[in-house]
Amino acid sequence: IIEAIIKKALNFESLTKYTAIAETVGNNMQTNLRMRDMTAIA
């Protein structure tokens, strides 16, 4: 399921949904990843 989420999220059509996804993740996640780390991983 995680693999399927990754594939769908990498689809260009999902780009416009990133703000809503970020809000969802921000409200339901705890992590030691900074935005700069995620950008580097991307």
PDB file of all heavy atoms in Angstrom:
ATOM      1  N   ILE A   1       0.835  -1.198   0.000  1.00  0.00           N
ATOM      2  CA  ILE A   1       0.000   0.000   0.000  1.00  0.00           C
ATOM      3  C   ILE A   1       0.873   1.252   0.000  1.00  0.00           C
ATOM      4  O   ILE A   1       0.596   2.221  -0.723  1.00  0.00           O
ATOM      5  CB  ILE A   1      -0.963  -0.011   1.207  1.00  0.00           C
ATOM      6  CG1 ILE A   1      -2.036  -1.077   0.981  1.00  0.00           C
ATOM      7  CG2 ILE A   1      -1.601   1.357   1.420  1.00  0.00           C
ATOM      8  CD1 ILE A   1      -2.937  -1.317   2.166  1.00  0.00           C
ATOM      9  N   ILE A   2       1.948   1.246   0.787  1.00  0.00           N
ATOM     10  CA  ILE A   2       2.888   2.370   0.777  1.00  0.00           C
ATOM     11  C   ILE A   2       3.487   2.547  -0.618  1.00  0.00           C
ATOM     12  O   ILE A   2       3.624   3.661  -1.124  1.00  0.00           O
ATOM     13  CB  ILE A   2       4.002   2.155   1.821  1.00  0.00           C
ATOM     14  CG1 ILE A   2       3.432   2.290   3.236  1.00  0.00           C
ATOM     15  CG2 ILE A   2       5.144   3.152   1.622  1.00  0.00           C
ATOM     16  CD1 ILE A   2       4.415   1.982   4.326  1.00  0.00           C
ATOM     17  N   GLU A   3       3.835   1.432  -1.251  1.00  0.00           N
ATOM     18  CA  GLU A   3       4.384   1.479  -2.613  1.00  0.00           C
ATOM     19  C   GLU A   3       3.385   2.113  -3.578  1.00  0.00           C
ATOM     20  O   GLU A   3       3.749   2.949  -4.416  1.00  0.00           O
ATOM     21  CB  GLU A   3       4.732   0.058  -3.064  1.00  0.00           C
ATOM     22  CG  GLU A   3       5.324  -0.025  -4.456  1.00  0.00           C
ATOM     23  CD  GLU A   3       5.651  -1.467  -4.862  1.00  0.00           C
ATOM     24  OE1 GLU A   3       5.731  -2.332  -3.964  1.00  0.00           O
ATOM     25  OE2 GLU A   3       5.819  -1.712  -6.062  1.00  0.00           O
ATOM     26  N   ALA A   4       2.106   1.744  -3.450  1.00  0.00           N
ATOM     27  CA  ALA A   4       1.074   2.293  -4.328  1.00  0.00           C
ATOM     28  C   ALA A   4       0.889   3.792  -4.080  1.00  0.00           C
ATOM     29  O   ALA A   4       0.680   4.570  -5.016  1.00  0.00           O
ATOM     30  CB  ALA A   4      -0.247   1.560  -4.102  1.00  0.00           C
ATOM     31  N   ILE A   5       0.982   4.211  -2.805  1.00  0.00           N
ATOM     32  CA  ILE A   5       0.870   5.642  -2.479  1.00  0.00           C
ATOM     33  C   ILE A   5       2.021   6.419  -3.100  1.00  0.00           C
ATOM     34  O   ILE A   5       1.831   7.497  -3.666  1.00  0.00           O
ATOM     35  CB  ILE A   5       0.842   5.840  -0.947  1.00  0.00           C
ATOM     36  CG1 ILE A   5      -0.455   5.275  -0.360  1.00  0.00           C
ATOM     37  CG2 ILE A   5       0.965   7.325  -0.603  1.00  0.00           C
ATOM     38  CD1 ILE A   5      -0.493   5.278   1.154  1.00  0.00           C
ATOM     39  N   ILE A   6       3.240   5.868  -2.996  1.00  0.00           N
ATOM     40  CA  ILE A   6       4.417   6.535  -3.569  1.00  0.00           C
ATOM     41  C   ILE A   6       4.246   6.728  -5.071  1.00  0.00           C
ATOM     42  O   ILE A   6       4.478   7.812  -5.615  1.00  0.00           O
ATOM     43  CB  ILE A   6       5.696   5.731  -3.273  1.00  0.00           C
ATOM     44  CG1 ILE A   6       6.035   5.788  -1.781  1.00  0.00           C
ATOM     45  CG2 ILE A   6       6.882   6.265  -4.084  1.00  0.00           C
ATOM     46  CD1 ILE A   6       7.162   4.854  -1.372  1.00  0.00           C
ATOM     47  N   LYS A   7       3.825   5.679  -5.761  1.00  0.00           N
ATOM     48  CA  LYS A   7       3.661   5.755  -7.217  1.00  0.00           C
ATOM     49  C   LYS A   7       2.626   6.806  -7.603  1.00  0.00           C
ATOM     50  O   LYS A   7       2.819   7.581  -8.542  1.00  0.00           O
ATOM     51  CB  LYS A   7       3.259   4.387  -7.769  1.00  0.00           C
ATOM     52  CG  LYS A   7       4.390   3.384  -7.802  1.00  0.00           C
ATOM     53  CD  LYS A   7       3.932   2.094  -8.464  1.00  0.00           C
ATOM     54  CE  LYS A   7       5.087   1.121  -8.616  1.00  0.00           C
ATOM     55  NZ  LYS A   7       4.670  -0.136  -9.266  1.00  0.00           N
ATOM     56  N   LYS A   8       1.506   6.816  -6.858  1.00  0.00           N
ATOM     57  CA  LYS A   8       0.445   7.776  -7.184  1.00  0.00           C
ATOM     58  C   LYS A   8       0.900   9.203  -6.880  1.00  0.00           C
ATOM     59  O   LYS A   8       0.623  10.134  -7.648  1.00  0.00           O
ATOM     60  CB  LYS A   8      -0.811   7.435  -6.375  1.00  0.00           C
ATOM     61  CG  LYS A   8      -2.063   8.212  -6.794  1.00  0.00           C
ATOM     62  CD  LYS A   8      -2.495   7.825  -8.197  1.00  0.00           C
ATOM     63  CE  LYS A   8      -3.787   8.536  -8.614  1.00  0.00           C
ATOM     64  NZ  LYS A   8      -4.970   7.973  -7.928  1.00  0.00           N
ATOM     65  N   ALA A   9       1.623   9.382  -5.789  1.00  0.00           N
ATOM     66  CA  ALA A   9       2.082  10.718  -5.402  1.00  0.00           C
ATOM     67  C   ALA A   9       3.100  11.270  -6.386  1.00  0.00           C
ATOM     68  O   ALA A   9       3.191  12.483  -6.585  1.00  0.00           O
ATOM     69  CB  ALA A   9       2.674  10.682  -3.997  1.00  0.00           C
ATOM     70  N   LEU A  10       3.890  10.391  -7.017  1.00  0.00           N
ATOM     71  CA  LEU A  10       4.894  10.835  -7.984  1.00  0.00           C
ATOM     72  C   LEU A  10       4.289  11.174  -9.344  1.00  0.00           C
ATOM     73  O   LEU A  10       4.953  11.739 -10.195  1.00  0.00           O
ATOM     74  CB  LEU A  10       5.971   9.753  -8.159  1.00  0.00           C
ATOM     75  CG  LEU A  10       6.909   9.537  -6.964  1.00  0.00           C
ATOM     76  CD1 LEU A  10       7.861   8.386  -7.247  1.00  0.00           C
ATOM     77  CD2 LEU A  10       7.682  10.800  -6.642  1.00  0.00           C
ATOM     78  N   ASN A  11       3.014  10.822  -9.535  1.00  0.00           N
ATOM     79  CA  ASN A  11       2.328  11.149 -10.776  1.00  0.00           C
ATOM     80  C   ASN A  11       2.135  12.659 -10.859  1.00  0.00           C
ATOM     81  O   ASN A  11       1.714  13.305  -9.900  1.00  0.00           O
ATOM     82  CB  ASN A  11       0.963  10.435 -10.804  1.00  0.00           C
ATOM     83  CG  ASN A  11       0.299  10.526 -12.163  1.00  0.00           C
ATOM     84  OD1 ASN A  11       0.118  11.607 -12.705  1.00  0.00           O
ATOM     85  ND2 ASN A  11      -0.069   9.385 -12.709  1.00  0.00           N
ATOM     86  N   PHE A  12       2.453  13.238 -12.021  1.00  0.00           N
ATOM     87  CA  PHE A  12       2.379  14.694 -12.187  1.00  0.00           C
ATOM     88  C   PHE A  12       0.987  15.239 -11.876  1.00  0.00           C
ATOM     89  O   PHE A  12       0.839  16.351 -11.379  1.00  0.00           O
ATOM     90  CB  PHE A  12       2.782  15.078 -13.609  1.00  0.00           C
ATOM     91  CG  PHE A  12       2.822  16.564 -13.843  1.00  0.00           C
ATOM     92  CD1 PHE A  12       3.891  17.323 -13.370  1.00  0.00           C
ATOM     93  CD2 PHE A  12       1.803  17.213 -14.519  1.00  0.00           C
ATOM     94  CE1 PHE A  12       3.938  18.702 -13.575  1.00  0.00           C
ATOM     95  CE2 PHE A  12       1.844  18.582 -14.731  1.00  0.00           C
ATOM     96  CZ  PHE A  12       2.914  19.325 -14.254  1.00  0.00           C
ATOM     97  N   GLU A  13      -0.053  14.440 -12.147  1.00  0.00           N
ATOM     98  CA  GLU A  13      -1.417  14.888 -11.907  1.00  0.00           C
ATOM     99  C   GLU A  13      -1.690  15.115 -10.427  1.00  0.00           C
ATOM    100  O   GLU A  13      -2.645  15.809 -10.066  1.00  0.00           O
ATOM    101  CB  GLU A  13      -2.406  13.858 -12.470  1.00  0.00           C
ATOM    102  CG  GLU A  13      -2.364  13.742 -13.989  1.00  0.00           C
ATOM    103  CD  GLU A  13      -3.292  12.659 -14.503  1.00  0.00           C
ATOM    104  OE1 GLU A  13      -3.915  11.962 -13.660  1.00  0.00           O
ATOM    105  OE2 GLU A  13      -3.406  12.505 -15.729  1.00  0.00           O
ATOM    106  N   SER A  14      -0.859  14.527  -9.556  1.00  0.00           N
ATOM    107  CA  SER A  14      -1.063  14.667  -8.114  1.00  0.00           C
ATOM    108  C   SER A  14      -0.482  15.962  -7.567  1.00  0.00           C
ATOM    109  O   SER A  14      -0.700  16.304  -6.401  1.00  0.00           O
ATOM    110  CB  SER A  14      -0.425  13.474  -7.378  1.00  0.00           C
ATOM    111  OG  SER A  14      -0.991  12.257  -7.808  1.00  0.00           O
ATOM    112  N   LEU A  15       0.244  16.714  -8.410  1.00  0.00           N
ATOM    113  CA  LEU A  15       0.953  17.905  -7.958  1.00  0.00           C
ATOM    114  C   LEU A  15       0.029  18.926  -7.303  1.00  0.00           C
ATOM    115  O   LEU A  15       0.352  19.507  -6.263  1.00  0.00           O
ATOM    116  CB  LEU A  15       1.694  18.545  -9.138  1.00  0.00           C
ATOM    117  CG  LEU A  15       2.649  19.698  -8.818  1.00  0.00           C
ATOM    118  CD1 LEU A  15       3.772  19.219  -7.918  1.00  0.00           C
ATOM    119  CD2 LEU A  15       3.215  20.292 -10.102  1.00  0.00           C
ATOM    120  N   THR A  16      -1.144  19.141  -7.903  1.00  0.00           N
ATOM    121  CA  THR A  16      -2.065  20.152  -7.382  1.00  0.00           C
ATOM    122  C   THR A  16      -2.668  19.756  -6.042  1.00  0.00           C
ATOM    123  O   THR A  16      -3.305  20.584  -5.376  1.00  0.00           O
ATOM    124  CB  THR A  16      -3.204  20.403  -8.389  1.00  0.00           C
ATOM    125  OG1 THR A  16      -3.877  19.156  -8.643  1.00  0.00           O
ATOM    126  CG2 THR A  16      -2.666  20.967  -9.697  1.00  0.00           C
ATOM    127  N   LYS A  17      -2.497  18.512  -5.649  1.00  0.00           N
ATOM    128  CA  LYS A  17      -3.084  18.034  -4.399  1.00  0.00           C
ATOM    129  C   LYS A  17      -2.100  18.060  -3.236  1.00  0.00           C
ATOM    130  O   LYS A  17      -2.447  17.698  -2.114  1.00  0.00           O
ATOM    131  CB  LYS A  17      -3.605  16.604  -4.596  1.00  0.00           C
ATOM    132  CG  LYS A  17      -4.593  16.484  -5.755  1.00  0.00           C
ATOM    133  CD  LYS A  17      -4.874  15.042  -6.115  1.00  0.00           C
ATOM    134  CE  LYS A  17      -5.789  14.954  -7.335  1.00  0.00           C
ATOM    135  NZ  LYS A  17      -6.000  13.571  -7.784  1.00  0.00           N
ATOM    136  N   TYR A  18      -0.861  18.499  -3.493  1.00  0.00           N
ATOM    137  CA  TYR A  18       0.175  18.424  -2.470  1.00  0.00           C
ATOM    138  C   TYR A  18      -0.109  19.298  -1.257  1.00  0.00           C
ATOM    139  O   TYR A  18       0.250  18.945  -0.141  1.00  0.00           O
ATOM    140  CB  TYR A  18       1.535  18.792  -3.066  1.00  0.00           C
ATOM    141  CG  TYR A  18       2.159  17.699  -3.899  1.00  0.00           C
ATOM    142  CD1 TYR A  18       3.378  17.893  -4.534  1.00  0.00           C
ATOM    143  CD2 TYR A  18       1.535  16.468  -4.053  1.00  0.00           C
ATOM    144  CE1 TYR A  18       3.964  16.892  -5.308  1.00  0.00           C
ATOM    145  CE2 TYR A  18       2.100  15.469  -4.820  1.00  0.00           C
ATOM    146  CZ  TYR A  18       3.312  15.688  -5.445  1.00  0.00           C
ATOM    147  OH  TYR A  18       3.884  14.688  -6.201  1.00  0.00           O
ATOM    148  N   THR A  19      -0.750  20.465  -1.467  1.00  0.00           N
ATOM    149  CA  THR A  19      -1.031  21.338  -0.333  1.00  0.00           C
ATOM    150  C   THR A  19      -1.974  20.648   0.651  1.00  0.00           C
ATOM    151  O   THR A  19      -1.733  20.629   1.859  1.00  0.00           O
ATOM    152  CB  THR A  19      -1.653  22.667  -0.807  1.00  0.00           C
ATOM    153  OG1 THR A  19      -0.731  23.328  -1.677  1.00  0.00           O
ATOM    154  CG2 THR A  19      -1.973  23.568   0.371  1.00  0.00           C
ATOM    155  N   ALA A  20      -3.045  20.065   0.130  1.00  0.00           N
ATOM    156  CA  ALA A  20      -4.005  19.360   0.994  1.00  0.00           C
ATOM    157  C   ALA A  20      -3.350  18.157   1.661  1.00  0.00           C
ATOM    158  O   ALA A  20      -3.606  17.867   2.837  1.00  0.00           O
ATOM    159  CB  ALA A  20      -5.220  18.908   0.168  1.00  0.00           C
ATOM    160  N   ILE A  21      -2.479  17.461   0.908  1.00  0.00           N
ATOM    161  CA  ILE A  21      -1.776  16.304   1.473  1.00  0.00           C
ATOM    162  C   ILE A  21      -0.849  16.755   2.592  1.00  0.00           C
ATOM    163  O   ILE A  21      -0.767  16.115   3.650  1.00  0.00           O
ATOM    164  CB  ILE A  21      -0.986  15.561   0.371  1.00  0.00           C
ATOM    165  CG1 ILE A  21      -1.958  14.895  -0.616  1.00  0.00           C
ATOM    166  CG2 ILE A  21      -0.056  14.515   0.980  1.00  0.00           C
ATOM    167  CD1 ILE A  21      -1.285  14.312  -1.835  1.00  0.00           C
ATOM    168  N   ALA A  22      -0.136  17.874   2.363  1.00  0.00           N
ATOM    169  CA  ALA A  22       0.781  18.390   3.390  1.00  0.00           C
ATOM    170  C   ALA A  22       0.037  18.741   4.664  1.00  0.00           C
ATOM    171  O   ALA A  22       0.513  18.482   5.775  1.00  0.00           O
ATOM    172  CB  ALA A  22       1.521  19.614   2.860  1.00  0.00           C
ATOM    173  N   GLU A  23      -1.148  19.325   4.530  1.00  0.00           N
ATOM    174  CA  GLU A  23      -1.942  19.672   5.707  1.00  0.00           C
ATOM    175  C   GLU A  23      -2.369  18.408   6.454  1.00  0.00           C
ATOM    176  O   GLU A  23      -2.345  18.360   7.686  1.00  0.00           O
ATOM    177  CB  GLU A  23      -3.162  20.489   5.288  1.00  0.00           C
ATOM    178  CG  GLU A  23      -2.805  21.884   4.782  1.00  0.00           C
ATOM    179  CD  GLU A  23      -3.988  22.617   4.201  1.00  0.00           C
ATOM    180  OE1 GLU A  23      -5.074  22.000   4.092  1.00  0.00           O
ATOM    181  OE2 GLU A  23      -3.843  23.809   3.858  1.00  0.00           O
ATOM    182  N   THR A  24      -2.753  17.386   5.698  1.00  0.00           N
ATOM    183  CA  THR A  24      -3.143  16.117   6.308  1.00  0.00           C
ATOM    184  C   THR A  24      -1.977  15.484   7.043  1.00  0.00           C
ATOM    185  O   THR A  24      -2.105  15.054   8.189  1.00  0.00           O
ATOM    186  CB  THR A  24      -3.651  15.133   5.223  1.00  0.00           C
ATOM    187  OG1 THR A  24      -4.826  15.675   4.620  1.00  0.00           O
ATOM    188  CG2 THR A  24      -3.970  13.781   5.820  1.00  0.00           C
ATOM    189  N   VAL A  25      -0.829  15.434   6.363  1.00  0.00           N
ATOM    190  CA  VAL A  25       0.364  14.839   6.975  1.00  0.00           C
ATOM    191  C   VAL A  25       0.783  15.632   8.208  1.00  0.00           C
ATOM    192  O   VAL A  25       1.083  15.051   9.258  1.00  0.00           O
ATOM    193  CB  VAL A  25       1.525  14.788   5.952  1.00  0.00           C
ATOM    194  CG1 VAL A  25       2.827  14.414   6.644  1.00  0.00           C
ATOM    195  CG2 VAL A  25       1.213  13.771   4.860  1.00  0.00           C
ATOM    196  N   GLY A  26       0.783  16.967   8.095  1.00  0.00           N
ATOM    197  CA  GLY A  26       1.206  17.790   9.210  1.00  0.00           C
ATOM    198  C   GLY A  26       0.367  17.590  10.455  1.00  0.00           C
ATOM    199  O   GLY A  26       0.865  17.678  11.580  1.00  0.00           O
ATOM    200  N   ASN A  27      -0.913  17.280  10.276  1.00  0.00           N
ATOM    201  CA  ASN A  27      -1.811  17.083  11.409  1.00  0.00           C
ATOM    202  C   ASN A  27      -1.749  15.672  11.975  1.00  0.00           C
ATOM    203  O   ASN A  27      -2.317  15.422  13.046  1.00  0.00           O
ATOM    204  CB  ASN A  27      -3.259  17.381  10.992  1.00  0.00           C
ATOM    205  CG  ASN A  27      -3.488  18.853  10.755  1.00  0.00           C
ATOM    206  OD1 ASN A  27      -2.865  19.689  11.391  1.00  0.00           O
ATOM    207  ND2 ASN A  27      -4.369  19.182   9.824  1.00  0.00           N
ATOM    208  N   ASN A  28      -1.116  14.766  11.272  1.00  0.00           N
ATOM    209  CA  ASN A  28      -1.158  13.357  11.686  1.00  0.00           C
ATOM    210  C   ASN A  28       0.200  12.681  11.677  1.00  0.00           C
ATOM    211  O   ASN A  28       0.286  11.457  11.642  1.00  0.00           O
ATOM    212  CB  ASN A  28      -2.111  12.571  10.766  1.00  0.00           C
ATOM    213  CG  ASN A  28      -3.544  13.000  10.915  1.00  0.00           C
ATOM    214  OD1 ASN A  28      -4.224  12.616  11.848  1.00  0.00           O
ATOM    215  ND2 ASN A  28      -4.010  13.835   9.996  1.00  0.00           N
ATOM    216  N   MET A  29       1.264  13.465  11.715  1.00  0.00           N
ATOM    217  CA  MET A  29       2.598  12.886  11.638  1.00  0.00           C
ATOM    218  C   MET A  29       3.536  13.557  12.629  1.00  0.00           C
ATOM    219  O   MET A  29       3.381  14.726  12.964  1.00  0.00           O
ATOM    220  CB  MET A  29       3.166  13.033  10.225  1.00  0.00           C
ATOM    221  CG  MET A  29       4.581  12.491  10.055  1.00  0.00           C
ATOM    222  SD  MET A  29       5.237  12.708   8.383  1.00  0.00           S
ATOM    223  CE  MET A  29       5.579  14.479   8.379  1.00  0.00           C
ATOM    224  N   GLN A  30       4.510  12.777  13.074  1.00  0.00           N
ATOM    225  CA  GLN A  30       5.619  13.302  13.856  1.00  0.00           C
ATOM    226  C   GLN A  30       6.889  12.736  13.244  1.00  0.00           C
ATOM    227  O   GLN A  30       6.958  11.542  12.952  1.00  0.00           O
ATOM    228  CB  GLN A  30       5.486  12.855  15.313  1.00  0.00           C
ATOM    229  CG  GLN A  30       6.409  13.582  16.274  1.00  0.00           C
ATOM    230  CD  GLN A  30       5.961  13.391  17.709  1.00  0.00           C
ATOM    231  OE1 GLN A  30       4.990  14.007  18.151  1.00  0.00           O
ATOM    232  NE2 GLN A  30       6.633  12.520  18.427  1.00  0.00           N
ATOM    233  N   THR A  31       7.893  13.580  13.007  1.00  0.00           N
ATOM    234  CA  THR A  31       9.076  13.128  12.288  1.00  0.00           C
ATOM    235  C   THR A  31      10.282  14.003  12.612  1.00  0.00           C
ATOM    236  O   THR A  31      10.131  15.137  13.083  1.00  0.00           O
ATOM    237  CB  THR A  31       8.827  13.153  10.762  1.00  0.00           C
ATOM    238  OG1 THR A  31       9.976  12.660  10.076  1.00  0.00           O
ATOM    239  CG2 THR A  31       8.515  14.555  10.276  1.00  0.00           C
ATOM    240  N   ASN A  32      11.474  13.476  12.357  1.00  0.00           N
ATOM    241  CA  ASN A  32      12.685  14.294  12.458  1.00  0.00           C
ATOM    242  C   ASN A  32      13.179  14.705  11.073  1.00  0.00           C
ATOM    243  O   ASN A  32      14.326  15.104  10.907  1.00  0.00           O
ATOM    244  CB  ASN A  32      13.792  13.564  13.232  1.00  0.00           C
ATOM    245  CG  ASN A  32      14.239  12.274  12.552  1.00  0.00           C
ATOM    246  OD1 ASN A  32      13.549  11.746  11.684  1.00  0.00           O
ATOM    247  ND2 ASN A  32      15.387  11.759  12.955  1.00  0.00           N
ATOM    248  N   LEU A  33      12.298  14.622  10.092  1.00  0.00           N
ATOM    249  CA  LEU A  33      12.578  15.128   8.744  1.00  0.00           C
ATOM    250  C   LEU A  33      12.201  16.601   8.653  1.00  0.00           C
ATOM    251  O   LEU A  33      11.085  16.988   9.032  1.00  0.00           O
ATOM    252  CB  LEU A  33      11.777  14.355   7.699  1.00  0.00           C
ATOM    253  CG  LEU A  33      12.299  12.998   7.243  1.00  0.00           C
ATOM    254  CD1 LEU A  33      11.175  12.207   6.606  1.00  0.00           C
ATOM    255  CD2 LEU A  33      13.450  13.161   6.265  1.00  0.00           C
ATOM    256  N   ARG A  34      13.116  17.407   8.178  1.00  0.00           N
ATOM    257  CA  ARG A  34      12.808  18.797   7.851  1.00  0.00           C
ATOM    258  C   ARG A  34      12.379  18.873   6.393  1.00  0.00           C
ATOM    259  O   ARG A  34      12.600  17.935   5.617  1.00  0.00           O
ATOM    260  CB  ARG A  34      14.042  19.677   8.064  1.00  0.00           C
ATOM    261  CG  ARG A  34      14.483  19.819   9.516  1.00  0.00           C
ATOM    262  CD  ARG A  34      13.581  20.735  10.294  1.00  0.00           C
ATOM    263  NE  ARG A  34      14.171  21.119  11.576  1.00  0.00           N
ATOM    264  CZ  ARG A  34      13.540  21.843  12.474  1.00  0.00           C
ATOM    265  NH1 ARG A  34      12.305  22.253  12.248  1.00  0.00           N
ATOM    266  NH2 ARG A  34      14.133  22.169  13.622  1.00  0.00           N
ATOM    267  N   MET A  35      11.797  19.991   6.005  1.00  0.00           N
ATOM    268  CA  MET A  35      11.395  20.183   4.617  1.00  0.00           C
ATOM    269  C   MET A  35      12.602  20.073   3.695  1.00  0.00           C
ATOM    270  O   MET A  35      12.506  19.499   2.609  1.00  0.00           O
ATOM    271  CB  MET A  35      10.712  21.542   4.448  1.00  0.00           C
ATOM    272  CG  MET A  35      10.177  21.791   3.052  1.00  0.00           C
ATOM    273  SD  MET A  35       8.933  20.569   2.559  1.00  0.00           S
ATOM    274  CE  MET A  35       8.734  20.998   0.830  1.00  0.00           C
ATOM    275  N   ARG A  36      13.744  20.606   4.125  1.00  0.00           N
ATOM    276  CA  ARG A  36      14.946  20.541   3.283  1.00  0.00           C
ATOM    277  C   ARG A  36      15.392  19.097   3.075  1.00  0.00           C
ATOM    278  O   ARG A  36      15.926  18.746   2.026  1.00  0.00           O
ATOM    279  CB  ARG A  36      16.078  21.363   3.904  1.00  0.00           C
ATOM    280  CG  ARG A  36      16.534  20.902   5.283  1.00  0.00           C
ATOM    281  CD  ARG A  36      17.717  21.706   5.793  1.00  0.00           C
ATOM    282  NE  ARG A  36      18.144  21.278   7.114  1.00  0.00           N
ATOM    283  CZ  ARG A  36      17.687  21.800   8.247  1.00  0.00           C
ATOM    284  NH1 ARG A  36      16.781  22.761   8.207  1.00  0.00           N
ATOM    285  NH2 ARG A  36      18.127  21.361   9.416  1.00  0.00           N
ATOM    286  N   ASP A  37      15.172  18.233   4.091  1.00  0.00           N
ATOM    287  CA  ASP A  37      15.522  16.815   3.954  1.00  0.00           C
ATOM    288  C   ASP A  37      14.620  16.144   2.921  1.00  0.00           C
ATOM    289  O   ASP A  37      15.079  15.365   2.084  1.00  0.00           O
ATOM    290  CB  ASP A  37      15.389  16.098   5.299  1.00  0.00           C
ATOM    291  CG  ASP A  37      16.280  16.700   6.376  1.00  0.00           C
ATOM    292  OD1 ASP A  37      17.441  17.013   6.060  1.00  0.00           O
ATOM    293  OD2 ASP A  37      15.817  16.861   7.508  1.00  0.00           O
ATOM    294  N   MET A  38      13.325  16.457   3.001  1.00  0.00           N
ATOM    295  CA  MET A  38      12.377  15.873   2.045  1.00  0.00           C
ATOM    296  C   MET A  38      12.675  16.337   0.629  1.00  0.00           C
ATOM    297  O   MET A  38      12.567  15.568  -0.326  1.00  0.00           O
ATOM    298  CB  MET A  38      10.950  16.234   2.438  1.00  0.00           C
ATOM    299  CG  MET A  38      10.498  15.619   3.737  1.00  0.00           C
ATOM    300  SD  MET A  38       8.733  15.865   4.019  1.00  0.00           S
ATOM    301  CE  MET A  38       8.537  15.012   5.584  1.00  0.00           C
ATOM    302  N   THR A  39      13.037  17.613   0.495  1.00  0.00           N
ATOM    303  CA  THR A  39      13.380  18.147  -0.823  1.00  0.00           C
ATOM    304  C   THR A  39      14.599  17.439  -1.388  1.00  0.00           C
ATOM    305  O   THR A  39      14.644  17.095  -2.583  1.00  0.00           O
ATOM    306  CB  THR A  39      13.660  19.659  -0.737  1.00  0.00           C
ATOM    307  OG1 THR A  39      12.521  20.316  -0.180  1.00  0.00           O
ATOM    308  CG2 THR A  39      13.947  20.236  -2.116  1.00  0.00           C
ATOM    309  N   ALA A  40      15.590  17.194  -0.534  1.00  0.00           N
ATOM    310  CA  ALA A  40      16.802  16.486  -0.971  1.00  0.00           C
ATOM    311  C   ALA A  40      16.472  15.062  -1.390  1.00  0.00           C
ATOM    312  O   ALA A  40      16.959  14.574  -2.416  1.00  0.00           O
ATOM    313  CB  ALA A  40      17.843  16.477   0.146  1.00  0.00           C
ATOM    314  N   ILE A  41      15.624  14.394  -0.619  1.00  0.00           N
ATOM    315  CA  ILE A  41      15.238  13.021  -0.947  1.00  0.00           C
ATOM    316  C   ILE A  41      14.479  12.979  -2.268  1.00  0.00           C
ATOM    317  O   ILE A  41      14.636  12.057  -3.071  1.00  0.00           O
ATOM    318  CB  ILE A  41      14.396  12.419   0.195  1.00  0.00           C
ATOM    319  CG1 ILE A  41      15.280  12.215   1.435  1.00  0.00           C
ATOM    320  CG2 ILE A  41      13.767  11.097  -0.222  1.00  0.00           C
ATOM    321  CD1 ILE A  41      14.516  11.947   2.703  1.00  0.00           C
ATOM    322  N   ALA A  42      13.665  14.013  -2.513  1.00  0.00           N
ATOM    323  CA  ALA A  42      12.903  14.075  -3.763  1.00  0.00           C
ATOM    324  C   ALA A  42      13.803  14.210  -4.974  1.00  0.00           C
ATOM    325  O   ALA A  42      13.407  13.909  -6.102  1.00  0.00           O
ATOM    326  CB  ALA A  42      11.920  15.243  -3.719  1.00  0.00           C
TER     327      ALA A  42
END
